[in-house]
Amino acid sequence: MHFFTRVASWSFGLILLAFSLFVTLETLSRKIFNHSFQGADELGGYVLAICGSLAFSIAVVERGHIRIDFLYDRMPPRVQAALNILATLSMFAFGIFFLRYCFSVIKDTLEYGSTAATPWATPLIYPQTIWYAALVIFFIVTAWRTASALRQLVSGDLDGLNHDFGPKGVSEELNDELTDLRSR
């Protein structure tokens, strides 16, 4: 899964870099030549939607989603496992929600031939399709993670389940940061 998170991180990093270059060129063009390319705000919305959707998947894989865990460590392993299964199922349900309701956005866009109400008049199906593809990736990741968690639960591997699906502790976060620092 580290390959997936690396590719997704690089993808949205490059998208954000390209967008920042566009904004820089837009700003310079307006200041120096008194000419605007227009659409930086439109493009920014697309970039945010796509990158945010990819970031959802990375957070699930890296266990980076926010959970209030001040009592978690004080609970017995069975309760921790139940909470981890609940959290994993909740993310999976969230993935289903995205697929269901965002597909209706795509369907309406196709049906009405919607375009952006901006100078570019971008056919919305193009950015929305990329956005939806990122949400499909999120759904696949949550489905895979849910299946893995349930498999560990059924096999009785509560320690593995709690380690693989519980919130990262301070020592694990520190270890990840030090490993990342050494690799750089």
N, C-alpha and C. Protein backbone atom coordinates (compact mmCIF):
# COMPACT_ATOMS: atom_id res chain seq x y z
N MET A 1 0.81 -1.20 0.00
CA MET A 1 0.00 0.00 0.00
C MET A 1 0.85 1.26 0.00
N HIS A 2 2.11 1.12 0.40
CA HIS A 2 2.97 2.30 0.39
C HIS A 2 3.16 2.82 -1.04
N PHE A 3 3.15 1.92 -2.01
CA PHE A 3 3.26 2.33 -3.41
C PHE A 3 2.06 3.20 -3.77
N PHE A 4 0.87 2.76 -3.36
CA PHE A 4 -0.35 3.52 -3.64
C PHE A 4 -0.28 4.92 -3.05
N THR A 5 0.09 5.00 -1.77
CA THR A 5 0.11 6.32 -1.13
C THR A 5 1.18 7.21 -1.74
N ARG A 6 2.29 6.61 -2.15
CA ARG A 6 3.35 7.40 -2.79
C ARG A 6 2.86 7.95 -4.14
N VAL A 7 2.22 7.10 -4.95
CA VAL A 7 1.72 7.53 -6.26
C VAL A 7 0.63 8.59 -6.09
N ALA A 8 -0.30 8.36 -5.16
CA ALA A 8 -1.38 9.33 -4.95
C ALA A 8 -0.83 10.65 -4.43
N SER A 9 0.11 10.57 -3.50
CA SER A 9 0.70 11.80 -2.95
C SER A 9 1.44 12.59 -4.03
N TRP A 10 2.21 11.88 -4.83
CA TRP A 10 2.93 12.55 -5.93
C TRP A 10 1.94 13.14 -6.93
N SER A 11 0.86 12.41 -7.20
CA SER A 11 -0.13 12.89 -8.17
C SER A 11 -0.72 14.20 -7.72
N PHE A 12 -1.23 14.24 -6.48
CA PHE A 12 -1.84 15.50 -6.11
C PHE A 12 -0.80 16.56 -5.80
N GLY A 13 0.41 16.17 -5.46
CA GLY A 13 1.48 17.15 -5.32
C GLY A 13 1.81 17.83 -6.64
N LEU A 14 1.88 17.03 -7.71
CA LEU A 14 2.14 17.59 -9.03
C LEU A 14 0.97 18.46 -9.52
N ILE A 15 -0.25 18.02 -9.22
CA ILE A 15 -1.42 18.82 -9.60
C ILE A 15 -1.37 20.18 -8.89
N LEU A 16 -1.05 20.17 -7.60
CA LEU A 16 -0.98 21.43 -6.85
C LEU A 16 0.17 22.30 -7.33
N LEU A 17 1.28 21.67 -7.69
CA LEU A 17 2.42 22.43 -8.22
C LEU A 17 2.04 23.10 -9.55
N ALA A 18 1.40 22.34 -10.43
CA ALA A 18 0.97 22.90 -11.72
C ALA A 18 -0.01 24.05 -11.50
N PHE A 19 -0.93 23.88 -10.56
CA PHE A 19 -1.89 24.94 -10.27
C PHE A 19 -1.19 26.18 -9.72
N SER A 20 -0.21 25.98 -8.85
CA SER A 20 0.50 27.14 -8.29
C SER A 20 1.28 27.87 -9.38
N LEU A 21 1.82 27.13 -10.34
CA LEU A 21 2.50 27.78 -11.47
C LEU A 21 1.51 28.59 -12.31
N PHE A 22 0.32 28.04 -12.52
CA PHE A 22 -0.71 28.76 -13.26
C PHE A 22 -1.10 30.05 -12.55
N VAL A 23 -1.28 29.97 -11.24
CA VAL A 23 -1.65 31.16 -10.47
C VAL A 23 -0.52 32.19 -10.53
N THR A 24 0.73 31.72 -10.47
CA THR A 24 1.87 32.63 -10.57
C THR A 24 1.87 33.34 -11.92
N LEU A 25 1.69 32.57 -13.00
CA LEU A 25 1.63 33.17 -14.34
C LEU A 25 0.45 34.13 -14.47
N GLU A 26 -0.67 33.77 -13.91
CA GLU A 26 -1.86 34.63 -13.93
C GLU A 26 -1.56 35.94 -13.22
N THR A 27 -0.95 35.86 -12.06
CA THR A 27 -0.63 37.06 -11.28
C THR A 27 0.37 37.95 -12.01
N LEU A 28 1.42 37.34 -12.54
CA LEU A 28 2.41 38.12 -13.29
C LEU A 28 1.79 38.76 -14.53
N SER A 29 0.95 38.02 -15.22
CA SER A 29 0.31 38.54 -16.42
C SER A 29 -0.59 39.74 -16.10
N ARG A 30 -1.29 39.65 -14.99
CA ARG A 30 -2.15 40.77 -14.61
C ARG A 30 -1.33 41.99 -14.20
N LYS A 31 -0.25 41.77 -13.46
CA LYS A 31 0.55 42.89 -12.96
C LYS A 31 1.41 43.52 -14.06
N ILE A 32 2.00 42.71 -14.93
CA ILE A 32 2.93 43.22 -15.93
C ILE A 32 2.21 43.65 -17.22
N PHE A 33 1.30 42.80 -17.70
CA PHE A 33 0.67 43.05 -19.00
C PHE A 33 -0.79 43.52 -18.90
N ASN A 34 -1.29 43.63 -17.66
CA ASN A 34 -2.66 44.02 -17.44
C ASN A 34 -3.64 43.10 -18.20
N HIS A 35 -3.29 41.82 -18.22
CA HIS A 35 -4.11 40.81 -18.91
C HIS A 35 -4.34 39.63 -17.96
N SER A 36 -5.57 39.17 -17.91
CA SER A 36 -5.91 38.03 -17.07
C SER A 36 -6.28 36.83 -17.94
N PHE A 37 -5.77 35.68 -17.57
CA PHE A 37 -6.18 34.44 -18.26
C PHE A 37 -7.59 34.06 -17.83
N GLN A 38 -8.00 34.55 -16.68
CA GLN A 38 -9.27 34.22 -16.04
C GLN A 38 -9.34 32.72 -15.76
N GLY A 39 -10.17 32.38 -14.84
CA GLY A 39 -10.41 30.98 -14.56
C GLY A 39 -9.54 30.36 -13.49
N ALA A 40 -8.66 31.14 -12.86
CA ALA A 40 -7.82 30.56 -11.82
C ALA A 40 -8.68 30.04 -10.67
N ASP A 41 -9.74 30.76 -10.34
CA ASP A 41 -10.62 30.31 -9.27
C ASP A 41 -11.37 29.04 -9.68
N GLU A 42 -11.77 28.98 -10.95
CA GLU A 42 -12.45 27.78 -11.45
C GLU A 42 -11.52 26.58 -11.37
N LEU A 43 -10.32 26.75 -11.87
CA LEU A 43 -9.34 25.67 -11.84
C LEU A 43 -9.01 25.28 -10.41
N GLY A 44 -8.93 26.26 -9.52
CA GLY A 44 -8.66 25.98 -8.11
C GLY A 44 -9.72 25.10 -7.47
N GLY A 45 -10.97 25.32 -7.84
CA GLY A 45 -12.05 24.47 -7.33
C GLY A 45 -11.91 23.04 -7.79
N TYR A 46 -11.55 22.85 -9.04
CA TYR A 46 -11.36 21.50 -9.57
C TYR A 46 -10.18 20.82 -8.87
N VAL A 47 -9.10 21.55 -8.71
CA VAL A 47 -7.90 21.01 -8.06
C VAL A 47 -8.22 20.61 -6.63
N LEU A 48 -8.93 21.45 -5.91
CA LEU A 48 -9.29 21.15 -4.53
C LEU A 48 -10.15 19.89 -4.44
N ALA A 49 -11.14 19.76 -5.30
CA ALA A 49 -12.02 18.60 -5.28
C ALA A 49 -11.26 17.32 -5.58
N ILE A 50 -10.40 17.35 -6.57
CA ILE A 50 -9.65 16.15 -6.96
C ILE A 50 -8.62 15.78 -5.91
N CYS A 51 -7.84 16.76 -5.48
CA CYS A 51 -6.79 16.49 -4.49
C CYS A 51 -7.38 16.08 -3.14
N GLY A 52 -8.47 16.71 -2.75
CA GLY A 52 -9.13 16.33 -1.50
C GLY A 52 -9.62 14.89 -1.54
N SER A 53 -10.17 14.50 -2.66
CA SER A 53 -10.67 13.13 -2.80
C SER A 53 -9.53 12.12 -2.75
N LEU A 54 -8.41 12.44 -3.37
CA LEU A 54 -7.25 11.55 -3.28
C LEU A 54 -6.69 11.52 -1.85
N ALA A 55 -6.73 12.64 -1.18
CA ALA A 55 -6.23 12.70 0.19
C ALA A 55 -7.08 11.83 1.13
N PHE A 56 -8.38 11.70 0.86
CA PHE A 56 -9.22 10.81 1.66
C PHE A 56 -8.64 9.40 1.66
N SER A 57 -8.27 8.93 0.48
CA SER A 57 -7.74 7.56 0.35
C SER A 57 -6.42 7.41 1.09
N ILE A 58 -5.57 8.39 0.98
CA ILE A 58 -4.28 8.33 1.66
C ILE A 58 -4.48 8.31 3.18
N ALA A 59 -5.41 9.12 3.67
CA ALA A 59 -5.68 9.14 5.11
C ALA A 59 -6.16 7.80 5.61
N VAL A 60 -6.97 7.10 4.81
CA VAL A 60 -7.46 5.78 5.22
C VAL A 60 -6.31 4.78 5.27
N VAL A 61 -5.49 4.76 4.24
CA VAL A 61 -4.38 3.81 4.18
C VAL A 61 -3.35 4.08 5.27
N GLU A 62 -3.03 5.34 5.49
CA GLU A 62 -2.00 5.72 6.45
C GLU A 62 -2.55 5.87 7.88
N ARG A 63 -3.83 5.57 8.06
CA ARG A 63 -4.48 5.73 9.36
C ARG A 63 -4.32 7.15 9.87
N GLY A 64 -4.49 8.10 8.97
CA GLY A 64 -4.31 9.49 9.29
C GLY A 64 -5.61 10.23 9.57
N HIS A 65 -6.74 9.51 9.55
CA HIS A 65 -8.01 10.16 9.83
C HIS A 65 -8.06 10.53 11.32
N ILE A 66 -8.75 11.58 11.61
CA ILE A 66 -8.81 12.08 12.98
C ILE A 66 -9.79 11.24 13.79
N ARG A 67 -9.28 10.77 14.92
CA ARG A 67 -10.13 10.05 15.87
C ARG A 67 -9.76 10.54 17.26
N ILE A 68 -10.76 10.69 18.08
CA ILE A 68 -10.51 11.11 19.46
C ILE A 68 -10.12 9.86 20.23
N ASP A 69 -8.85 9.80 20.60
CA ASP A 69 -8.33 8.55 21.15
C ASP A 69 -7.81 8.66 22.59
N PHE A 70 -8.22 9.69 23.33
CA PHE A 70 -7.68 9.83 24.67
C PHE A 70 -8.14 8.71 25.61
N LEU A 71 -9.27 8.06 25.32
CA LEU A 71 -9.72 6.92 26.12
C LEU A 71 -9.38 5.59 25.46
N TYR A 72 -9.10 5.62 24.20
CA TYR A 72 -8.88 4.41 23.41
C TYR A 72 -7.83 3.50 24.03
N ASP A 73 -6.69 4.06 24.40
CA ASP A 73 -5.59 3.24 24.95
C ASP A 73 -5.94 2.61 26.30
N ARG A 74 -6.92 3.14 27.00
CA ARG A 74 -7.31 2.63 28.31
C ARG A 74 -8.37 1.53 28.22
N MET A 75 -8.84 1.26 27.01
CA MET A 75 -9.90 0.27 26.82
C MET A 75 -9.32 -1.11 26.58
N PRO A 76 -10.09 -2.15 26.91
CA PRO A 76 -9.62 -3.52 26.64
C PRO A 76 -9.53 -3.77 25.13
N PRO A 77 -8.68 -4.70 24.71
CA PRO A 77 -8.49 -4.98 23.28
C PRO A 77 -9.79 -5.29 22.52
N ARG A 78 -10.73 -5.96 23.15
CA ARG A 78 -11.99 -6.27 22.46
C ARG A 78 -12.78 -4.99 22.14
N VAL A 79 -12.80 -4.06 23.08
CA VAL A 79 -13.52 -2.80 22.86
C VAL A 79 -12.79 -1.98 21.78
N GLN A 80 -11.46 -1.99 21.85
CA GLN A 80 -10.68 -1.30 20.82
C GLN A 80 -10.99 -1.89 19.45
N ALA A 81 -11.04 -3.23 19.38
CA ALA A 81 -11.34 -3.89 18.10
C ALA A 81 -12.73 -3.50 17.60
N ALA A 82 -13.70 -3.45 18.51
CA ALA A 82 -15.06 -3.06 18.12
C ALA A 82 -15.08 -1.62 17.58
N LEU A 83 -14.36 -0.73 18.26
CA LEU A 83 -14.29 0.66 17.79
C LEU A 83 -13.58 0.76 16.44
N ASN A 84 -12.54 -0.03 16.25
CA ASN A 84 -11.82 -0.01 14.97
C ASN A 84 -12.69 -0.55 13.84
N ILE A 85 -13.46 -1.60 14.11
CA ILE A 85 -14.38 -2.13 13.10
C ILE A 85 -15.45 -1.08 12.79
N LEU A 86 -15.97 -0.43 13.82
CA LEU A 86 -16.98 0.62 13.62
C LEU A 86 -16.42 1.76 12.77
N ALA A 87 -15.20 2.17 13.07
CA ALA A 87 -14.57 3.26 12.29
C ALA A 87 -14.36 2.84 10.84
N THR A 88 -13.90 1.60 10.65
CA THR A 88 -13.65 1.10 9.29
C THR A 88 -14.96 0.97 8.51
N LEU A 89 -16.00 0.45 9.15
CA LEU A 89 -17.30 0.35 8.49
C LEU A 89 -17.87 1.74 8.18
N SER A 90 -17.63 2.70 9.06
CA SER A 90 -18.10 4.07 8.83
C SER A 90 -17.43 4.67 7.60
N MET A 91 -16.13 4.44 7.45
CA MET A 91 -15.44 4.95 6.27
C MET A 91 -15.95 4.27 5.00
N PHE A 92 -16.21 2.97 5.10
CA PHE A 92 -16.77 2.23 3.97
C PHE A 92 -18.15 2.80 3.60
N ALA A 93 -18.98 3.06 4.60
CA ALA A 93 -20.31 3.65 4.35
C ALA A 93 -20.16 5.04 3.71
N PHE A 94 -19.18 5.78 4.15
CA PHE A 94 -18.91 7.09 3.57
C PHE A 94 -18.53 6.93 2.09
N GLY A 95 -17.72 5.90 1.77
CA GLY A 95 -17.36 5.61 0.38
C GLY A 95 -18.58 5.28 -0.47
N ILE A 96 -19.49 4.49 0.10
CA ILE A 96 -20.73 4.15 -0.62
C ILE A 96 -21.56 5.41 -0.84
N PHE A 97 -21.65 6.25 0.18
CA PHE A 97 -22.38 7.51 0.08
C PHE A 97 -21.84 8.35 -1.07
N PHE A 98 -20.50 8.48 -1.12
CA PHE A 98 -19.88 9.25 -2.21
C PHE A 98 -20.24 8.67 -3.57
N LEU A 99 -20.10 7.36 -3.71
CA LEU A 99 -20.39 6.74 -5.01
C LEU A 99 -21.84 7.00 -5.42
N ARG A 100 -22.73 6.82 -4.51
CA ARG A 100 -24.16 6.94 -4.81
C ARG A 100 -24.56 8.37 -5.19
N TYR A 101 -24.23 9.30 -4.32
CA TYR A 101 -24.74 10.65 -4.52
C TYR A 101 -23.90 11.47 -5.50
N CYS A 102 -22.65 11.19 -5.60
CA CYS A 102 -21.82 11.92 -6.58
C CYS A 102 -22.07 11.41 -7.99
N PHE A 103 -22.51 10.15 -8.10
CA PHE A 103 -22.87 9.66 -9.42
C PHE A 103 -24.08 10.41 -9.96
N SER A 104 -25.00 10.77 -9.07
CA SER A 104 -26.16 11.54 -9.54
C SER A 104 -25.73 12.92 -10.06
N VAL A 105 -24.66 13.47 -9.51
CA VAL A 105 -24.12 14.74 -10.02
C VAL A 105 -23.60 14.53 -11.45
N ILE A 106 -22.86 13.45 -11.65
CA ILE A 106 -22.33 13.12 -12.98
C ILE A 106 -23.49 12.90 -13.96
N LYS A 107 -24.49 12.16 -13.52
CA LYS A 107 -25.65 11.87 -14.37
C LYS A 107 -26.37 13.16 -14.78
N ASP A 108 -26.59 14.06 -13.82
CA ASP A 108 -27.24 15.33 -14.13
C ASP A 108 -26.40 16.18 -15.08
N THR A 109 -25.10 16.17 -14.85
CA THR A 109 -24.20 16.93 -15.72
C THR A 109 -24.30 16.44 -17.16
N LEU A 110 -24.32 15.13 -17.34
CA LEU A 110 -24.46 14.56 -18.68
C LEU A 110 -25.82 14.90 -19.29
N GLU A 111 -26.84 14.75 -18.46
CA GLU A 111 -28.20 14.97 -18.95
C GLU A 111 -28.42 16.41 -19.40
N TYR A 112 -27.90 17.36 -18.67
CA TYR A 112 -28.12 18.77 -18.98
C TYR A 112 -26.99 19.40 -19.80
N GLY A 113 -25.91 18.66 -20.00
CA GLY A 113 -24.77 19.23 -20.73
C GLY A 113 -24.19 20.44 -20.00
N SER A 114 -24.11 20.35 -18.70
CA SER A 114 -23.71 21.48 -17.87
C SER A 114 -22.30 21.98 -18.16
N THR A 115 -22.18 23.29 -18.13
CA THR A 115 -20.88 23.94 -18.27
C THR A 115 -20.70 24.90 -17.09
N ALA A 116 -19.45 25.22 -16.81
CA ALA A 116 -19.16 26.15 -15.73
C ALA A 116 -19.65 27.55 -16.11
N ALA A 117 -20.17 28.25 -15.13
CA ALA A 117 -20.65 29.62 -15.36
C ALA A 117 -19.49 30.59 -15.21
N THR A 118 -18.46 30.36 -16.00
CA THR A 118 -17.24 31.16 -15.96
C THR A 118 -16.85 31.51 -17.39
N PRO A 119 -15.87 32.38 -17.56
CA PRO A 119 -15.44 32.72 -18.92
C PRO A 119 -14.97 31.50 -19.72
N TRP A 120 -14.42 30.51 -19.06
CA TRP A 120 -13.97 29.31 -19.78
C TRP A 120 -15.13 28.46 -20.25
N ALA A 121 -16.25 28.50 -19.55
CA ALA A 121 -17.43 27.67 -19.85
C ALA A 121 -17.04 26.20 -20.02
N THR A 122 -16.23 25.71 -19.11
CA THR A 122 -15.74 24.33 -19.15
C THR A 122 -16.91 23.34 -19.08
N PRO A 123 -16.96 22.38 -19.99
CA PRO A 123 -17.95 21.31 -19.84
C PRO A 123 -17.64 20.57 -18.53
N LEU A 124 -18.56 20.60 -17.60
CA LEU A 124 -18.29 20.10 -16.25
C LEU A 124 -18.06 18.59 -16.19
N ILE A 125 -18.42 17.88 -17.22
CA ILE A 125 -18.24 16.44 -17.19
C ILE A 125 -16.76 16.07 -17.07
N TYR A 126 -15.87 16.88 -17.62
CA TYR A 126 -14.44 16.54 -17.57
C TYR A 126 -13.86 16.63 -16.16
N PRO A 127 -13.95 17.77 -15.48
CA PRO A 127 -13.41 17.78 -14.12
C PRO A 127 -14.20 16.88 -13.16
N GLN A 128 -15.51 16.77 -13.37
CA GLN A 128 -16.30 15.93 -12.48
C GLN A 128 -15.97 14.45 -12.65
N THR A 129 -15.60 14.04 -13.85
CA THR A 129 -15.22 12.65 -14.07
C THR A 129 -13.92 12.32 -13.34
N ILE A 130 -12.97 13.23 -13.38
CA ILE A 130 -11.71 13.02 -12.65
C ILE A 130 -11.98 13.00 -11.14
N TRP A 131 -12.81 13.92 -10.68
CA TRP A 131 -13.20 13.97 -9.27
C TRP A 131 -13.88 12.66 -8.87
N TYR A 132 -14.80 12.20 -9.68
CA TYR A 132 -15.51 10.95 -9.38
C TYR A 132 -14.56 9.76 -9.38
N ALA A 133 -13.60 9.75 -10.31
CA ALA A 133 -12.62 8.66 -10.33
C ALA A 133 -11.82 8.63 -9.02
N ALA A 134 -11.48 9.80 -8.50
CA ALA A 134 -10.78 9.85 -7.21
C ALA A 134 -11.67 9.32 -6.09
N LEU A 135 -12.96 9.58 -6.16
CA LEU A 135 -13.89 9.05 -5.16
C LEU A 135 -14.06 7.54 -5.31
N VAL A 136 -14.00 7.04 -6.53
CA VAL A 136 -14.06 5.59 -6.75
C VAL A 136 -12.83 4.94 -6.13
N ILE A 137 -11.68 5.56 -6.27
CA ILE A 137 -10.46 5.05 -5.63
C ILE A 137 -10.66 5.01 -4.12
N PHE A 138 -11.25 6.07 -3.55
CA PHE A 138 -11.53 6.09 -2.12
C PHE A 138 -12.44 4.92 -1.74
N PHE A 139 -13.48 4.68 -2.51
CA PHE A 139 -14.38 3.57 -2.23
C PHE A 139 -13.64 2.24 -2.28
N ILE A 140 -12.82 2.03 -3.28
CA ILE A 140 -12.07 0.78 -3.41
C ILE A 140 -11.14 0.59 -2.21
N VAL A 141 -10.47 1.65 -1.81
CA VAL A 141 -9.57 1.58 -0.66
C VAL A 141 -10.35 1.23 0.61
N THR A 142 -11.50 1.89 0.82
CA THR A 142 -12.28 1.60 2.02
C THR A 142 -12.85 0.18 1.99
N ALA A 143 -13.24 -0.29 0.82
CA ALA A 143 -13.75 -1.67 0.71
C ALA A 143 -12.65 -2.67 1.02
N TRP A 144 -11.47 -2.43 0.48
CA TRP A 144 -10.33 -3.32 0.73
C TRP A 144 -9.96 -3.31 2.21
N ARG A 145 -9.90 -2.13 2.81
CA ARG A 145 -9.55 -2.03 4.23
C ARG A 145 -10.62 -2.67 5.12
N THR A 146 -11.88 -2.51 4.76
CA THR A 146 -12.96 -3.12 5.54
C THR A 146 -12.88 -4.64 5.46
N ALA A 147 -12.63 -5.17 4.28
CA ALA A 147 -12.49 -6.62 4.12
C ALA A 147 -11.31 -7.13 4.95
N SER A 148 -10.21 -6.39 4.95
CA SER A 148 -9.03 -6.80 5.73
C SER A 148 -9.34 -6.79 7.22
N ALA A 149 -10.03 -5.74 7.68
CA ALA A 149 -10.38 -5.65 9.11
C ALA A 149 -11.31 -6.77 9.52
N LEU A 150 -12.32 -7.04 8.71
CA LEU A 150 -13.26 -8.12 9.02
C LEU A 150 -12.58 -9.48 9.01
N ARG A 151 -11.64 -9.66 8.08
CA ARG A 151 -10.88 -10.92 8.03
C ARG A 151 -10.09 -11.11 9.33
N GLN A 152 -9.45 -10.06 9.81
CA GLN A 152 -8.70 -10.16 11.06
C GLN A 152 -9.64 -10.40 12.25
N LEU A 153 -10.80 -9.78 12.23
CA LEU A 153 -11.77 -9.98 13.30
C LEU A 153 -12.24 -11.42 13.34
N VAL A 154 -12.62 -11.96 12.19
CA VAL A 154 -13.11 -13.34 12.11
C VAL A 154 -12.03 -14.34 12.51
N SER A 155 -10.78 -14.05 12.15
CA SER A 155 -9.70 -14.97 12.51
C SER A 155 -9.28 -14.82 13.98
N GLY A 156 -9.83 -13.83 14.66
CA GLY A 156 -9.51 -13.63 16.08
C GLY A 156 -8.22 -12.88 16.33
N ASP A 157 -7.65 -12.27 15.31
CA ASP A 157 -6.40 -11.53 15.45
C ASP A 157 -6.69 -10.09 15.91
N LEU A 158 -7.09 -9.96 17.17
CA LEU A 158 -7.45 -8.64 17.69
C LEU A 158 -6.24 -7.72 17.80
N ASP A 159 -5.08 -8.29 18.15
CA ASP A 159 -3.88 -7.45 18.24
C ASP A 159 -3.52 -6.89 16.87
N GLY A 160 -3.55 -7.73 15.85
CA GLY A 160 -3.27 -7.27 14.49
C GLY A 160 -4.31 -6.26 14.02
N LEU A 161 -5.58 -6.52 14.33
CA LEU A 161 -6.66 -5.60 13.96
C LEU A 161 -6.46 -4.24 14.62
N ASN A 162 -6.15 -4.26 15.91
CA ASN A 162 -5.96 -2.99 16.62
C ASN A 162 -4.72 -2.25 16.15
N HIS A 163 -3.68 -2.99 15.80
CA HIS A 163 -2.48 -2.33 15.29
C HIS A 163 -2.70 -1.76 13.89
N ASP A 164 -3.33 -2.54 13.02
CA ASP A 164 -3.48 -2.14 11.62
C ASP A 164 -4.60 -1.11 11.38
N PHE A 165 -5.57 -1.06 12.30
CA PHE A 165 -6.74 -0.20 12.05
C PHE A 165 -7.00 0.83 13.15
N GLY A 166 -6.26 0.74 14.23
CA GLY A 166 -6.44 1.71 15.31
C GLY A 166 -5.70 3.00 15.00
N PRO A 167 -5.98 4.03 15.77
CA PRO A 167 -5.27 5.29 15.55
C PRO A 167 -3.79 5.13 15.90
N LYS A 168 -2.97 5.86 15.19
CA LYS A 168 -1.54 5.81 15.47
C LYS A 168 -1.28 6.47 16.82
N GLY A 169 -0.42 5.83 17.59
CA GLY A 169 -0.02 6.42 18.85
C GLY A 169 1.12 7.40 18.64
N VAL A 170 1.48 8.10 19.70
CA VAL A 170 2.54 9.10 19.61
C VAL A 170 3.86 8.45 19.19
N SER A 171 4.18 7.30 19.77
CA SER A 171 5.46 6.65 19.44
C SER A 171 5.48 6.19 17.98
N GLU A 172 4.36 5.70 17.47
CA GLU A 172 4.29 5.27 16.07
C GLU A 172 4.40 6.47 15.12
N GLU A 173 3.75 7.59 15.48
CA GLU A 173 3.86 8.82 14.68
C GLU A 173 5.32 9.30 14.65
N LEU A 174 5.97 9.28 15.82
CA LEU A 174 7.36 9.71 15.90
C LEU A 174 8.25 8.80 15.07
N ASN A 175 8.04 7.50 15.17
CA ASN A 175 8.82 6.54 14.38
C ASN A 175 8.63 6.77 12.88
N ASP A 176 7.40 7.02 12.45
CA ASP A 176 7.13 7.30 11.03
C ASP A 176 7.88 8.55 10.57
N GLU A 177 7.85 9.59 11.39
CA GLU A 177 8.54 10.83 11.04
C GLU A 177 10.05 10.63 10.97
N LEU A 178 10.61 9.89 11.92
CA LEU A 178 12.06 9.64 11.90
C LEU A 178 12.46 8.78 10.70
N THR A 179 11.64 7.80 10.37
CA THR A 179 11.91 6.96 9.18
C THR A 179 11.87 7.83 7.92
N ASP A 180 10.87 8.70 7.84
CA ASP A 180 10.75 9.60 6.69
C ASP A 180 11.96 10.55 6.62
N LEU A 181 12.40 11.04 7.75
CA LEU A 181 13.54 11.94 7.80
C LEU A 181 14.81 11.22 7.33
N ARG A 182 15.00 9.98 7.77
CA ARG A 182 16.18 9.20 7.35
C ARG A 182 16.16 8.91 5.86
N SER A 183 14.96 8.67 5.31
CA SER A 183 14.88 8.36 3.87
C SER A 183 15.17 9.57 2.99
N ARG A 184 15.00 10.76 3.55
CA ARG A 184 15.30 11.97 2.79
C ARG A 184 16.77 12.24 2.84
